[in-house]
Amino acid sequence: MESIELNKQSFQSITHGTLKIEEIIILIKQFLEEDPNAQYSLVIGTDSHEKNGIKRVKSDGKTINVVTAILIHRKGFGGKYFWIRKDIDNIHTLRDKIYAETLTSLNFATSFVPLLRKGLNGHSPNYNLEIHVDVGEHGDTRDMIKEVVGMVTGNGFVAKTKPDAYGASYVADKHT
C-alpha cells in the first residue's frame, strides 16, 4: 500500500465514523498531546476471515476479508482505534493467509508511520510501535512464528504474537 493509495482510503472508527488518514493522524496527535508524560503504544494489526460465497473467475484460491487496525493506547488509560477493510484473492493455505495478514500490516506501517511522523512534527510524546501478528504457540500457526516475526523485525518493527497480539487477535478480528 503506497502513501498515495493510503491517502485515498476510507477508515472506520466506532467513535468518529468514516475518516481519511489525515483525520486519523490529527486524532492520534490530539490523543498523544492530552498527556505528554504518559506511556503510549501505537499498534498495527491485521486479521482476516474467508469470504463466503465469493467466486472469482481469475482466482484459483479463496478470497479473504482483511481488516487492518491502528490502535493508540495510553498505558492504564485506554485508547482509540481505527480500521480499514479490503479483500485479498488467491489464498490457498493457512500459510498464505498469515503471510497476507503480516504483509498487509507491514505495507501499511511502511506508509503510515512516515505520514504520522510528519503530522506530529516531532512535538509529541514517545510511543512504542508494535506490529501484532495473529500467530501463537498454540494452534496451527505455531510453526510460523519465527518466519513472521522475522519478517516484521527484518523490516525494523517490533513484533508481538498471541497472546500479546491483541491488535490482530481481538481488535481487527472484531471487524472481519
Protein backbone atom coordinates (compact mmCIF):
# COMPACT_ATOMS: atom_id res chain seq x y z
CA MET A 1 0.00 0.00 0.00
CA GLU A 2 1.71 3.21 -1.10
CA SER A 3 1.20 6.52 0.66
CA ILE A 4 -0.68 7.91 -2.33
CA GLU A 5 -3.07 4.99 -2.18
CA LEU A 6 -3.34 5.30 1.61
CA ASN A 7 -4.46 8.92 1.24
CA LYS A 8 -7.39 7.78 -0.90
CA GLN A 9 -8.63 5.13 1.53
CA SER A 10 -11.54 5.48 3.96
CA PHE A 11 -11.06 4.20 7.50
CA GLN A 12 -13.67 3.45 10.12
CA SER A 13 -13.97 4.35 13.79
CA ILE A 14 -16.75 3.44 16.19
CA THR A 15 -16.41 6.88 17.80
CA HIS A 16 -15.64 9.08 14.78
CA GLY A 17 -17.27 7.29 11.81
CA THR A 18 -15.63 7.32 8.38
CA LEU A 19 -12.25 9.07 8.26
CA LYS A 20 -9.35 9.82 5.93
CA ILE A 21 -5.80 9.12 7.05
CA GLU A 22 -5.11 12.81 7.67
CA GLU A 23 -8.01 12.93 10.13
CA ILE A 24 -6.71 9.86 11.96
CA ILE A 25 -3.29 11.46 12.32
CA ILE A 26 -4.89 14.58 13.82
CA LEU A 27 -6.90 12.47 16.28
CA ILE A 28 -3.79 10.48 17.28
CA LYS A 29 -1.82 13.71 17.75
CA GLN A 30 -4.57 15.19 19.93
CA PHE A 31 -4.71 12.00 22.00
CA LEU A 32 -0.92 11.98 22.49
CA GLU A 33 -0.92 15.65 23.48
CA GLU A 34 -3.62 15.17 26.15
CA ASP A 35 -0.99 13.64 28.45
CA PRO A 36 2.52 14.14 27.04
CA ASN A 37 4.15 12.36 30.00
CA ALA A 38 2.16 9.12 29.67
CA GLN A 39 3.45 5.95 28.03
CA TYR A 40 1.89 5.10 24.69
CA SER A 41 1.79 2.18 22.29
CA LEU A 42 0.97 2.52 18.63
CA VAL A 43 -0.22 -0.85 17.37
CA ILE A 44 -0.87 -2.06 13.85
CA GLY A 45 -2.53 -5.44 13.50
CA THR A 46 -4.29 -7.35 10.74
CA ASP A 47 -6.70 -10.27 10.82
CA SER A 48 -8.74 -11.98 8.13
CA HIS A 49 -11.58 -14.38 7.53
CA GLU A 50 -12.63 -16.25 4.43
CA LYS A 51 -15.40 -14.57 2.49
CA ASN A 52 -18.31 -16.90 1.92
CA GLY A 53 -19.96 -17.11 -1.46
CA ILE A 54 -17.28 -15.20 -3.36
CA LYS A 55 -16.26 -16.86 -6.61
CA ARG A 56 -13.84 -15.17 -8.94
CA VAL A 57 -13.05 -16.46 -12.39
CA LYS A 58 -9.37 -15.39 -12.28
CA SER A 59 -8.69 -16.74 -8.79
CA ASP A 60 -7.98 -20.37 -8.04
CA GLY A 61 -7.88 -19.85 -4.28
CA LYS A 62 -10.15 -18.36 -1.66
CA THR A 63 -10.91 -14.70 -1.11
CA ILE A 64 -10.29 -13.37 2.38
CA ASN A 65 -11.67 -10.28 4.04
CA VAL A 66 -8.70 -8.47 5.62
CA VAL A 67 -9.00 -5.84 8.34
CA THR A 68 -6.06 -3.73 9.47
CA ALA A 69 -6.44 -1.88 12.77
CA ILE A 70 -4.46 1.11 14.06
CA LEU A 71 -4.57 1.48 17.83
CA ILE A 72 -3.16 4.22 20.01
CA HIS A 73 -3.10 3.12 23.64
CA ARG A 74 -2.26 5.21 26.69
CA LYS A 75 -0.97 2.73 29.26
CA GLY A 76 -3.56 2.38 32.01
CA PHE A 77 -5.98 4.89 30.48
CA GLY A 78 -7.49 3.36 27.33
CA GLY A 79 -7.13 4.42 23.75
CA LYS A 80 -8.62 4.82 20.31
CA TYR A 81 -8.62 2.63 17.25
CA PHE A 82 -9.40 2.81 13.56
CA TRP A 83 -9.65 0.14 10.89
CA ILE A 84 -9.71 -0.42 7.16
CA ARG A 85 -11.04 -3.42 5.25
CA LYS A 86 -10.08 -4.95 1.91
CA ASP A 87 -10.31 -8.27 0.08
CA ILE A 88 -7.35 -10.39 -0.97
CA ASP A 89 -7.76 -13.13 -3.58
CA ASN A 90 -5.90 -16.31 -4.33
CA ILE A 91 -5.34 -17.60 -0.78
CA HIS A 92 -4.73 -21.35 -0.85
CA THR A 93 -3.33 -22.26 2.58
CA LEU A 94 -3.13 -21.07 6.17
CA ARG A 95 0.46 -20.01 5.41
CA ASP A 96 -0.80 -17.83 2.52
CA LYS A 97 -3.37 -16.28 4.86
CA ILE A 98 -0.86 -15.49 7.63
CA TYR A 99 1.63 -14.08 5.10
CA ALA A 100 -1.12 -11.92 3.57
CA GLU A 101 -2.05 -10.56 7.02
CA THR A 102 1.56 -9.90 8.01
CA LEU A 103 2.48 -8.26 4.70
CA THR A 104 -0.65 -6.12 4.87
CA SER A 105 0.42 -4.83 8.31
CA LEU A 106 4.00 -4.25 7.12
CA ASN A 107 2.94 -2.42 3.97
CA PHE A 108 0.51 -0.33 5.97
CA ALA A 109 3.12 0.54 8.62
CA THR A 110 5.69 1.44 5.97
CA SER A 111 3.27 4.00 4.51
CA PHE A 112 1.54 5.15 7.69
CA VAL A 113 4.47 5.74 10.05
CA PRO A 114 6.16 8.42 7.88
CA LEU A 115 2.82 10.21 7.49
CA LEU A 116 2.29 10.09 11.26
CA ARG A 117 5.81 11.36 12.00
CA LYS A 118 5.29 14.22 9.55
CA GLY A 119 1.93 15.05 11.16
CA LEU A 120 3.44 15.05 14.65
CA ASN A 121 6.29 17.42 13.65
CA GLY A 122 8.50 15.98 16.40
CA HIS A 123 6.36 17.60 19.10
CA SER A 124 4.71 14.53 20.54
CA PRO A 125 5.30 12.08 23.34
CA ASN A 126 7.22 8.94 22.57
CA TYR A 127 5.29 5.86 21.66
CA ASN A 128 6.25 2.23 21.20
CA LEU A 129 5.37 0.98 17.74
CA GLU A 130 4.31 -2.67 17.57
CA ILE A 131 3.03 -4.87 14.78
CA HIS A 132 0.71 -7.56 16.07
CA VAL A 133 0.65 -10.81 14.12
CA ASP A 134 -2.08 -13.39 14.52
CA VAL A 135 0.18 -16.37 15.35
CA GLY A 136 0.85 -18.10 18.65
CA GLU A 137 2.37 -21.05 20.46
CA HIS A 138 -0.95 -22.90 20.49
CA GLY A 139 -2.72 -23.94 17.32
CA ASP A 140 -1.87 -24.39 13.66
CA THR A 141 0.22 -21.22 13.38
CA ARG A 142 2.88 -22.16 15.96
CA ASP A 143 5.27 -23.37 13.22
CA MET A 144 5.13 -19.96 11.54
CA ILE A 145 6.10 -17.75 14.50
CA LYS A 146 9.79 -17.43 13.63
CA GLU A 147 9.01 -16.71 9.98
CA VAL A 148 6.52 -13.91 10.50
CA VAL A 149 8.35 -12.39 13.48
CA GLY A 150 11.47 -12.40 11.28
CA MET A 151 9.54 -10.63 8.51
CA VAL A 152 8.42 -7.92 10.92
CA THR A 153 11.74 -7.42 12.73
CA GLY A 154 13.64 -7.59 9.45
CA ASN A 155 11.65 -4.54 8.37
CA GLY A 156 12.63 -2.64 11.52
CA PHE A 157 9.46 -3.11 13.59
CA VAL A 158 8.72 -4.81 16.91
CA ALA A 159 6.54 -7.91 16.52
CA LYS A 160 4.06 -9.20 19.10
CA THR A 161 2.41 -12.62 18.88
CA LYS A 162 -0.50 -14.22 20.73
CA PRO A 163 -1.47 -13.80 23.49
CA ASP A 164 0.04 -10.29 23.32
CA ALA A 165 -1.16 -9.57 19.77
CA TYR A 166 -4.49 -8.01 20.77
CA GLY A 167 -4.37 -5.58 17.81
CA ALA A 168 -4.79 -8.50 15.40
CA SER A 169 -6.44 -11.18 17.57
CA TYR A 170 -9.13 -9.02 19.16
CA VAL A 171 -9.50 -5.58 17.60
CA ALA A 172 -9.03 -6.36 13.89
CA ASP A 173 -10.81 -9.70 14.37
CA LYS A 174 -13.88 -7.88 15.70
CA HIS A 175 -14.33 -6.17 12.31
CA THR A 176 -13.61 -9.03 9.86
